[in-house]
Amino acid sequence: MSPDFDSIESAQDYMYVLAETILDAMKDLKSQHEEALRDGADRKAQALALAMYKLKTLGCYVHKSRRTLNDLRTIRRLIFNERLTVEQVVATL
């Protein structure tokens, strides 16, 4: 199933889920890494450390992408004058 990016907001939602998944994976890898160190499995520990590094790098890219999407959403709102007035907000309640 591929994500549906029909709006900036849907892309932001996807990036949020991706960031959460990366954090979960990093937690899992950290515990596996600690276990490998305790068991003396040096090669496995090195591989897990590399995987954690790569996930951390991916996490940085995701964070930057989320900020960029937020900037794009703000720019779109400025271009199309999409900011809601107080009256419009109250009317939606």
PDB file of N, CA and C in Angstrom:
ATOM      1  N   MET A   1       0.842  -1.181   0.000  1.00  0.00           N
ATOM      2  CA  MET A   1       0.000   0.000   0.000  1.00  0.00           C
ATOM      3  C   MET A   1       0.885   1.240   0.000  1.00  0.00           C
ATOM      4  N   SER A   2       0.724   2.078  -0.963  1.00  0.00           N
ATOM      5  CA  SER A   2       1.530   3.291  -1.028  1.00  0.00           C
ATOM      6  C   SER A   2       0.761   4.445  -0.392  1.00  0.00           C
ATOM      7  N   PRO A   3       1.503   5.358   0.242  1.00  0.00           N
ATOM      8  CA  PRO A   3       0.825   6.492   0.865  1.00  0.00           C
ATOM      9  C   PRO A   3       0.204   7.412  -0.171  1.00  0.00           C
ATOM     10  N   ASP A   4      -0.874   8.067   0.215  1.00  0.00           N
ATOM     11  CA  ASP A   4      -1.582   8.973  -0.672  1.00  0.00           C
ATOM     12  C   ASP A   4      -1.230  10.404  -0.270  1.00  0.00           C
ATOM     13  N   PHE A   5      -0.449  11.083  -1.091  1.00  0.00           N
ATOM     14  CA  PHE A   5      -0.012  12.443  -0.788  1.00  0.00           C
ATOM     15  C   PHE A   5      -0.791  13.442  -1.623  1.00  0.00           C
ATOM     16  N   ASP A   6      -2.080  13.557  -1.354  1.00  0.00           N
ATOM     17  CA  ASP A   6      -2.872  14.506  -2.112  1.00  0.00           C
ATOM     18  C   ASP A   6      -2.849  15.894  -1.489  1.00  0.00           C
ATOM     19  N   SER A   7      -2.158  16.026  -0.354  1.00  0.00           N
ATOM     20  CA  SER A   7      -2.023  17.344   0.277  1.00  0.00           C
ATOM     21  C   SER A   7      -0.755  17.371   1.121  1.00  0.00           C
ATOM     22  N   ILE A   8      -0.350  18.565   1.446  1.00  0.00           N
ATOM     23  CA  ILE A   8       0.804  18.728   2.327  1.00  0.00           C
ATOM     24  C   ILE A   8       0.513  18.083   3.674  1.00  0.00           C
ATOM     25  N   GLU A   9      -0.726  18.213   4.146  1.00  0.00           N
ATOM     26  CA  GLU A   9      -1.091  17.651   5.445  1.00  0.00           C
ATOM     27  C   GLU A   9      -0.996  16.128   5.461  1.00  0.00           C
ATOM     28  N   SER A  10      -1.374  15.481   4.357  1.00  0.00           N
ATOM     29  CA  SER A  10      -1.270  14.019   4.319  1.00  0.00           C
ATOM     30  C   SER A  10       0.201  13.589   4.299  1.00  0.00           C
ATOM     31  N   ALA A  11       1.042  14.355   3.642  1.00  0.00           N
ATOM     32  CA  ALA A  11       2.481  14.071   3.659  1.00  0.00           C
ATOM     33  C   ALA A  11       3.040  14.275   5.062  1.00  0.00           C
ATOM     34  N   GLN A  12       2.559  15.298   5.756  1.00  0.00           N
ATOM     35  CA  GLN A  12       2.991  15.532   7.138  1.00  0.00           C
ATOM     36  C   GLN A  12       2.581  14.364   8.032  1.00  0.00           C
ATOM     37  N   ASP A  13       1.365  13.868   7.851  1.00  0.00           N
ATOM     38  CA  ASP A  13       0.907  12.721   8.640  1.00  0.00           C
ATOM     39  C   ASP A  13       1.808  11.512   8.404  1.00  0.00           C
ATOM     40  N   TYR A  14       2.149  11.266   7.149  1.00  0.00           N
ATOM     41  CA  TYR A  14       3.019  10.140   6.816  1.00  0.00           C
ATOM     42  C   TYR A  14       4.393  10.316   7.473  1.00  0.00           C
ATOM     43  N   MET A  15       4.939  11.508   7.406  1.00  0.00           N
ATOM     44  CA  MET A  15       6.254  11.750   7.997  1.00  0.00           C
ATOM     45  C   MET A  15       6.220  11.579   9.518  1.00  0.00           C
ATOM     46  N   TYR A  16       5.094  11.937  10.133  1.00  0.00           N
ATOM     47  CA  TYR A  16       4.947  11.742  11.573  1.00  0.00           C
ATOM     48  C   TYR A  16       4.989  10.251  11.903  1.00  0.00           C
ATOM     49  N   VAL A  17       4.258   9.448  11.138  1.00  0.00           N
ATOM     50  CA  VAL A  17       4.248   8.002  11.361  1.00  0.00           C
ATOM     51  C   VAL A  17       5.647   7.427  11.127  1.00  0.00           C
ATOM     52  N   LEU A  18       6.315   7.888  10.095  1.00  0.00           N
ATOM     53  CA  LEU A  18       7.672   7.423   9.805  1.00  0.00           C
ATOM     54  C   LEU A  18       8.621   7.768  10.953  1.00  0.00           C
ATOM     55  N   ALA A  19       8.519   8.973  11.493  1.00  0.00           N
ATOM     56  CA  ALA A  19       9.378   9.377  12.611  1.00  0.00           C
ATOM     57  C   ALA A  19       9.132   8.493  13.831  1.00  0.00           C
ATOM     58  N   GLU A  20       7.873   8.196  14.124  1.00  0.00           N
ATOM     59  CA  GLU A  20       7.538   7.322  15.251  1.00  0.00           C
ATOM     60  C   GLU A  20       8.084   5.911  15.035  1.00  0.00           C
ATOM     61  N   THR A  21       7.991   5.417  13.811  1.00  0.00           N
ATOM     62  CA  THR A  21       8.494   4.085  13.482  1.00  0.00           C
ATOM     63  C   THR A  21      10.007   4.027  13.644  1.00  0.00           C
ATOM     64  N   ILE A  22      10.685   5.088  13.241  1.00  0.00           N
ATOM     65  CA  ILE A  22      12.136   5.147  13.389  1.00  0.00           C
ATOM     66  C   ILE A  22      12.516   5.105  14.865  1.00  0.00           C
ATOM     67  N   LEU A  23      11.805   5.865  15.692  1.00  0.00           N
ATOM     68  CA  LEU A  23      12.097   5.855  17.131  1.00  0.00           C
ATOM     69  C   LEU A  23      11.886   4.474  17.738  1.00  0.00           C
ATOM     70  N   ASP A  24      10.797   3.806  17.362  1.00  0.00           N
ATOM     71  CA  ASP A  24      10.546   2.455  17.863  1.00  0.00           C
ATOM     72  C   ASP A  24      11.646   1.487  17.440  1.00  0.00           C
ATOM     73  N   ALA A  25      12.054   1.587  16.181  1.00  0.00           N
ATOM     74  CA  ALA A  25      13.107   0.706  15.678  1.00  0.00           C
ATOM     75  C   ALA A  25      14.420   0.973  16.396  1.00  0.00           C
ATOM     76  N   MET A  26      14.712   2.235  16.679  1.00  0.00           N
ATOM     77  CA  MET A  26      15.951   2.567  17.381  1.00  0.00           C
ATOM     78  C   MET A  26      15.954   1.990  18.796  1.00  0.00           C
ATOM     79  N   LYS A  27      14.798   2.030  19.470  1.00  0.00           N
ATOM     80  CA  LYS A  27      14.700   1.442  20.814  1.00  0.00           C
ATOM     81  C   LYS A  27      14.959  -0.060  20.764  1.00  0.00           C
ATOM     82  N   ASP A  28      14.359  -0.722  19.777  1.00  0.00           N
ATOM     83  CA  ASP A  28      14.559  -2.157  19.625  1.00  0.00           C
ATOM     84  C   ASP A  28      16.023  -2.484  19.346  1.00  0.00           C
ATOM     85  N   LEU A  29      16.626  -1.740  18.446  1.00  0.00           N
ATOM     86  CA  LEU A  29      18.025  -1.986  18.099  1.00  0.00           C
ATOM     87  C   LEU A  29      18.943  -1.724  19.287  1.00  0.00           C
ATOM     88  N   LYS A  30      18.624  -0.724  20.075  1.00  0.00           N
ATOM     89  CA  LYS A  30      19.466  -0.420  21.242  1.00  0.00           C
ATOM     90  C   LYS A  30      19.468  -1.596  22.213  1.00  0.00           C
ATOM     91  N   SER A  31      18.302  -2.164  22.479  1.00  0.00           N
ATOM     92  CA  SER A  31      18.263  -3.304  23.403  1.00  0.00           C
ATOM     93  C   SER A  31      18.978  -4.514  22.797  1.00  0.00           C
ATOM     94  N   GLN A  32      18.826  -4.728  21.493  1.00  0.00           N
ATOM     95  CA  GLN A  32      19.538  -5.830  20.839  1.00  0.00           C
ATOM     96  C   GLN A  32      21.045  -5.603  20.880  1.00  0.00           C
ATOM     97  N   HIS A  33      21.449  -4.343  20.712  1.00  0.00           N
ATOM     98  CA  HIS A  33      22.868  -3.997  20.749  1.00  0.00           C
ATOM     99  C   HIS A  33      23.446  -4.281  22.134  1.00  0.00           C
ATOM    100  N   GLU A  34      22.726  -3.879  23.174  1.00  0.00           N
ATOM    101  CA  GLU A  34      23.188  -4.124  24.543  1.00  0.00           C
ATOM    102  C   GLU A  34      23.285  -5.624  24.821  1.00  0.00           C
ATOM    103  N   GLU A  35      22.314  -6.382  24.326  1.00  0.00           N
ATOM    104  CA  GLU A  35      22.325  -7.837  24.495  1.00  0.00           C
ATOM    105  C   GLU A  35      23.523  -8.460  23.776  1.00  0.00           C
ATOM    106  N   ALA A  36      23.795  -7.999  22.567  1.00  0.00           N
ATOM    107  CA  ALA A  36      24.936  -8.518  21.802  1.00  0.00           C
ATOM    108  C   ALA A  36      26.245  -8.216  22.523  1.00  0.00           C
ATOM    109  N   LEU A  37      26.357  -7.029  23.120  1.00  0.00           N
ATOM    110  CA  LEU A  37      27.568  -6.691  23.870  1.00  0.00           C
ATOM    111  C   LEU A  37      27.727  -7.600  25.088  1.00  0.00           C
ATOM    112  N   ARG A  38      26.611  -7.854  25.794  1.00  0.00           N
ATOM    113  CA  ARG A  38      26.662  -8.743  26.963  1.00  0.00           C
ATOM    114  C   ARG A  38      27.067 -10.162  26.571  1.00  0.00           C
ATOM    115  N   ASP A  39      26.581 -10.605  25.398  1.00  0.00           N
ATOM    116  CA  ASP A  39      26.859 -11.970  24.945  1.00  0.00           C
ATOM    117  C   ASP A  39      28.224 -12.106  24.276  1.00  0.00           C
ATOM    118  N   GLY A  40      28.921 -10.995  24.102  1.00  0.00           N
ATOM    119  CA  GLY A  40      30.236 -11.046  23.461  1.00  0.00           C
ATOM    120  C   GLY A  40      30.165 -11.205  21.951  1.00  0.00           C
ATOM    121  N   ALA A  41      29.036 -10.912  21.372  1.00  0.00           N
ATOM    122  CA  ALA A  41      28.865 -11.010  19.915  1.00  0.00           C
ATOM    123  C   ALA A  41      29.277  -9.676  19.290  1.00  0.00           C
ATOM    124  N   ASP A  42      30.598  -9.494  19.193  1.00  0.00           N
ATOM    125  CA  ASP A  42      31.133  -8.208  18.741  1.00  0.00           C
ATOM    126  C   ASP A  42      30.706  -7.831  17.331  1.00  0.00           C
ATOM    127  N   ARG A  43      30.743  -8.782  16.418  1.00  0.00           N
ATOM    128  CA  ARG A  43      30.380  -8.485  15.023  1.00  0.00           C
ATOM    129  C   ARG A  43      28.908  -8.066  14.927  1.00  0.00           C
ATOM    130  N   LYS A  44      28.048  -8.777  15.647  1.00  0.00           N
ATOM    131  CA  LYS A  44      26.629  -8.429  15.660  1.00  0.00           C
ATOM    132  C   LYS A  44      26.427  -7.053  16.295  1.00  0.00           C
ATOM    133  N   ALA A  45      27.160  -6.768  17.360  1.00  0.00           N
ATOM    134  CA  ALA A  45      27.056  -5.466  18.027  1.00  0.00           C
ATOM    135  C   ALA A  45      27.475  -4.344  17.087  1.00  0.00           C
ATOM    136  N   GLN A  46      28.533  -4.580  16.298  1.00  0.00           N
ATOM    137  CA  GLN A  46      28.978  -3.574  15.335  1.00  0.00           C
ATOM    138  C   GLN A  46      27.921  -3.342  14.252  1.00  0.00           C
ATOM    139  N   ALA A  47      27.314  -4.421  13.781  1.00  0.00           N
ATOM    140  CA  ALA A  47      26.275  -4.297  12.753  1.00  0.00           C
ATOM    141  C   ALA A  47      25.070  -3.533  13.311  1.00  0.00           C
ATOM    142  N   LEU A  48      24.697  -3.833  14.547  1.00  0.00           N
ATOM    143  CA  LEU A  48      23.577  -3.129  15.169  1.00  0.00           C
ATOM    144  C   LEU A  48      23.905  -1.661  15.398  1.00  0.00           C
ATOM    145  N   ALA A  49      25.139  -1.360  15.763  1.00  0.00           N
ATOM    146  CA  ALA A  49      25.558   0.038  15.941  1.00  0.00           C
ATOM    147  C   ALA A  49      25.471   0.786  14.612  1.00  0.00           C
ATOM    148  N   LEU A  50      25.869   0.128  13.533  1.00  0.00           N
ATOM    149  CA  LEU A  50      25.773   0.750  12.209  1.00  0.00           C
ATOM    150  C   LEU A  50      24.312   0.987  11.840  1.00  0.00           C
ATOM    151  N   ALA A  51      23.451   0.020  12.113  1.00  0.00           N
ATOM    152  CA  ALA A  51      22.018   0.177  11.823  1.00  0.00           C
ATOM    153  C   ALA A  51      21.437   1.331  12.636  1.00  0.00           C
ATOM    154  N   MET A  52      21.834   1.470  13.901  1.00  0.00           N
ATOM    155  CA  MET A  52      21.353   2.588  14.717  1.00  0.00           C
ATOM    156  C   MET A  52      21.822   3.918  14.154  1.00  0.00           C
ATOM    157  N   TYR A  53      23.068   3.967  13.690  1.00  0.00           N
ATOM    158  CA  TYR A  53      23.601   5.184  13.078  1.00  0.00           C
ATOM    159  C   TYR A  53      22.791   5.562  11.835  1.00  0.00           C
ATOM    160  N   LYS A  54      22.505   4.571  10.996  1.00  0.00           N
ATOM    161  CA  LYS A  54      21.745   4.832   9.768  1.00  0.00           C
ATOM    162  C   LYS A  54      20.319   5.290  10.099  1.00  0.00           C
ATOM    163  N   LEU A  55      19.703   4.691  11.114  1.00  0.00           N
ATOM    164  CA  LEU A  55      18.372   5.128  11.523  1.00  0.00           C
ATOM    165  C   LEU A  55      18.400   6.551  12.070  1.00  0.00           C
ATOM    166  N   LYS A  56      19.455   6.865  12.812  1.00  0.00           N
ATOM    167  CA  LYS A  56      19.584   8.225  13.339  1.00  0.00           C
ATOM    168  C   LYS A  56      19.712   9.222  12.190  1.00  0.00           C
ATOM    169  N   THR A  57      20.486   8.864  11.173  1.00  0.00           N
ATOM    170  CA  THR A  57      20.633   9.708   9.992  1.00  0.00           C
ATOM    171  C   THR A  57      19.292   9.888   9.292  1.00  0.00           C
ATOM    172  N   LEU A  58      18.553   8.794   9.123  1.00  0.00           N
ATOM    173  CA  LEU A  58      17.234   8.863   8.510  1.00  0.00           C
ATOM    174  C   LEU A  58      16.298   9.731   9.346  1.00  0.00           C
ATOM    175  N   GLY A  59      16.382   9.605  10.664  1.00  0.00           N
ATOM    176  CA  GLY A  59      15.565  10.429  11.557  1.00  0.00           C
ATOM    177  C   GLY A  59      15.831  11.910  11.366  1.00  0.00           C
ATOM    178  N   CYS A  60      17.091  12.266  11.161  1.00  0.00           N
ATOM    179  CA  CYS A  60      17.441  13.673  10.908  1.00  0.00           C
ATOM    180  C   CYS A  60      16.814  14.164   9.600  1.00  0.00           C
ATOM    181  N   TYR A  61      16.875  13.315   8.560  1.00  0.00           N
ATOM    182  CA  TYR A  61      16.267  13.688   7.279  1.00  0.00           C
ATOM    183  C   TYR A  61      14.756  13.854   7.416  1.00  0.00           C
ATOM    184  N   VAL A  62      14.133  12.964   8.164  1.00  0.00           N
ATOM    185  CA  VAL A  62      12.683  13.038   8.367  1.00  0.00           C
ATOM    186  C   VAL A  62      12.330  14.315   9.118  1.00  0.00           C
ATOM    187  N   HIS A  63      13.117  14.639  10.145  1.00  0.00           N
ATOM    188  CA  HIS A  63      12.865  15.866  10.911  1.00  0.00           C
ATOM    189  C   HIS A  63      12.964  17.097  10.010  1.00  0.00           C
ATOM    190  N   LYS A  64      14.002  17.143   9.184  1.00  0.00           N
ATOM    191  CA  LYS A  64      14.163  18.270   8.254  1.00  0.00           C
ATOM    192  C   LYS A  64      13.021  18.320   7.246  1.00  0.00           C
ATOM    193  N   SER A  65      12.581  17.156   6.786  1.00  0.00           N
ATOM    194  CA  SER A  65      11.476  17.106   5.829  1.00  0.00           C
ATOM    195  C   SER A  65      10.179  17.585   6.460  1.00  0.00           C
ATOM    196  N   ARG A  66       9.969  17.226   7.715  1.00  0.00           N
ATOM    197  CA  ARG A  66       8.764  17.683   8.416  1.00  0.00           C
ATOM    198  C   ARG A  66       8.766  19.205   8.547  1.00  0.00           C
ATOM    199  N   ARG A  67       9.929  19.779   8.862  1.00  0.00           N
ATOM    200  CA  ARG A  67      10.032  21.245   8.951  1.00  0.00           C
ATOM    201  C   ARG A  67       9.780  21.882   7.593  1.00  0.00           C
ATOM    202  N   THR A  68      10.321  21.283   6.540  1.00  0.00           N
ATOM    203  CA  THR A  68      10.116  21.815   5.191  1.00  0.00           C
ATOM    204  C   THR A  68       8.644  21.758   4.802  1.00  0.00           C
ATOM    205  N   LEU A  69       7.980  20.649   5.111  1.00  0.00           N
ATOM    206  CA  LEU A  69       6.544  20.552   4.819  1.00  0.00           C
ATOM    207  C   LEU A  69       5.759  21.603   5.586  1.00  0.00           C
ATOM    208  N   ASN A  70       6.136  21.855   6.824  1.00  0.00           N
ATOM    209  CA  ASN A  70       5.469  22.888   7.612  1.00  0.00           C
ATOM    210  C   ASN A  70       5.671  24.265   6.969  1.00  0.00           C
ATOM    211  N   ASP A  71       6.894  24.522   6.516  1.00  0.00           N
ATOM    212  CA  ASP A  71       7.167  25.789   5.829  1.00  0.00           C
ATOM    213  C   ASP A  71       6.318  25.917   4.560  1.00  0.00           C
ATOM    214  N   LEU A  72       6.233  24.829   3.801  1.00  0.00           N
ATOM    215  CA  LEU A  72       5.435  24.853   2.572  1.00  0.00           C
ATOM    216  C   LEU A  72       3.960  25.102   2.868  1.00  0.00           C
ATOM    217  N   ARG A  73       3.465  24.504   3.935  1.00  0.00           N
ATOM    218  CA  ARG A  73       2.064  24.721   4.304  1.00  0.00           C
ATOM    219  C   ARG A  73       1.839  26.186   4.666  1.00  0.00           C
ATOM    220  N   THR A  74       2.781  26.775   5.400  1.00  0.00           N
ATOM    221  CA  THR A  74       2.675  28.187   5.767  1.00  0.00           C
ATOM    222  C   THR A  74       2.721  29.075   4.530  1.00  0.00           C
ATOM    223  N   ILE A  75       3.628  28.771   3.607  1.00  0.00           N
ATOM    224  CA  ILE A  75       3.739  29.552   2.373  1.00  0.00           C
ATOM    225  C   ILE A  75       2.456  29.439   1.555  1.00  0.00           C
ATOM    226  N   ARG A  76       1.912  28.220   1.458  1.00  0.00           N
ATOM    227  CA  ARG A  76       0.659  28.038   0.719  1.00  0.00           C
ATOM    228  C   ARG A  76      -0.452  28.888   1.333  1.00  0.00           C
ATOM    229  N   ARG A  77      -0.520  28.883   2.649  1.00  0.00           N
ATOM    230  CA  ARG A  77      -1.552  29.679   3.324  1.00  0.00           C
ATOM    231  C   ARG A  77      -1.371  31.170   3.051  1.00  0.00           C
ATOM    232  N   LEU A  78      -0.136  31.619   3.012  1.00  0.00           N
ATOM    233  CA  LEU A  78       0.116  33.027   2.709  1.00  0.00           C
ATOM    234  C   LEU A  78      -0.258  33.368   1.265  1.00  0.00           C
ATOM    235  N   ILE A  79       0.097  32.481   0.348  1.00  0.00           N
ATOM    236  CA  ILE A  79      -0.192  32.725  -1.066  1.00  0.00           C
ATOM    237  C   ILE A  79      -1.692  32.764  -1.322  1.00  0.00           C
ATOM    238  N   PHE A  80      -2.409  31.816  -0.750  1.00  0.00           N
ATOM    239  CA  PHE A  80      -3.840  31.709  -1.017  1.00  0.00           C
ATOM    240  C   PHE A  80      -4.697  32.348   0.071  1.00  0.00           C
ATOM    241  N   ASN A  81      -4.045  33.072   0.957  1.00  0.00           N
ATOM    242  CA  ASN A  81      -4.753  33.777   2.030  1.00  0.00           C
ATOM    243  C   ASN A  81      -5.691  32.818   2.770  1.00  0.00           C
ATOM    244  N   GLU A  82      -5.137  31.662   3.184  1.00  0.00           N
ATOM    245  CA  GLU A  82      -5.937  30.622   3.816  1.00  0.00           C
ATOM    246  C   GLU A  82      -6.030  30.758   5.336  1.00  0.00           C
ATOM    247  N   ARG A  83      -5.434  31.753   5.889  1.00  0.00           N
ATOM    248  CA  ARG A  83      -5.521  31.931   7.337  1.00  0.00           C
ATOM    249  C   ARG A  83      -6.964  32.204   7.724  1.00  0.00           C
ATOM    250  N   LEU A  84      -7.433  31.494   8.716  1.00  0.00           N
ATOM    251  CA  LEU A  84      -8.802  31.691   9.172  1.00  0.00           C
ATOM    252  C   LEU A  84      -8.890  32.901  10.109  1.00  0.00           C
ATOM    253  N   THR A  85      -9.925  33.654   9.951  1.00  0.00           N
ATOM    254  CA  THR A  85     -10.167  34.768  10.868  1.00  0.00           C
ATOM    255  C   THR A  85     -10.836  34.205  12.121  1.00  0.00           C
ATOM    256  N   VAL A  86     -10.885  35.004  13.155  1.00  0.00           N
ATOM    257  CA  VAL A  86     -11.529  34.607  14.400  1.00  0.00           C
ATOM    258  C   VAL A  86     -12.994  34.247  14.141  1.00  0.00           C
ATOM    259  N   GLU A  87     -13.643  35.035  13.311  1.00  0.00           N
ATOM    260  CA  GLU A  87     -15.052  34.776  12.996  1.00  0.00           C
ATOM    261  C   GLU A  87     -15.239  33.424  12.301  1.00  0.00           C
ATOM    262  N   GLN A  88     -14.308  33.076  11.411  1.00  0.00           N
ATOM    263  CA  GLN A  88     -14.405  31.798  10.703  1.00  0.00           C
ATOM    264  C   GLN A  88     -14.193  30.628  11.669  1.00  0.00           C
ATOM    265  N   VAL A  89     -13.272  30.776  12.585  1.00  0.00           N
ATOM    266  CA  VAL A  89     -13.023  29.736  13.568  1.00  0.00           C
ATOM    267  C   VAL A  89     -14.249  29.530  14.440  1.00  0.00           C
ATOM    268  N   VAL A  90     -14.825  30.615  14.914  1.00  0.00           N
ATOM    269  CA  VAL A  90     -16.019  30.538  15.765  1.00  0.00           C
ATOM    270  C   VAL A  90     -17.179  29.925  14.996  1.00  0.00           C
ATOM    271  N   ALA A  91     -17.293  30.233  13.728  1.00  0.00           N
ATOM    272  CA  ALA A  91     -18.385  29.704  12.909  1.00  0.00           C
ATOM    273  C   ALA A  91     -18.286  28.194  12.736  1.00  0.00           C
ATOM    274  N   THR A  92     -17.081  27.649  12.807  1.00  0.00           N
ATOM    275  CA  THR A  92     -16.908  26.209  12.640  1.00  0.00           C
ATOM    276  C   THR A  92     -17.186  25.428  13.914  1.00  0.00           C
ATOM    277  N   LEU A  93     -17.316  26.119  15.049  1.00  0.00           N
ATOM    278  CA  LEU A  93     -17.570  25.422  16.329  1.00  0.00           C
ATOM    279  C   LEU A  93     -18.969  24.993  16.510  1.00  0.00           C
TER     280      LEU A  93
END
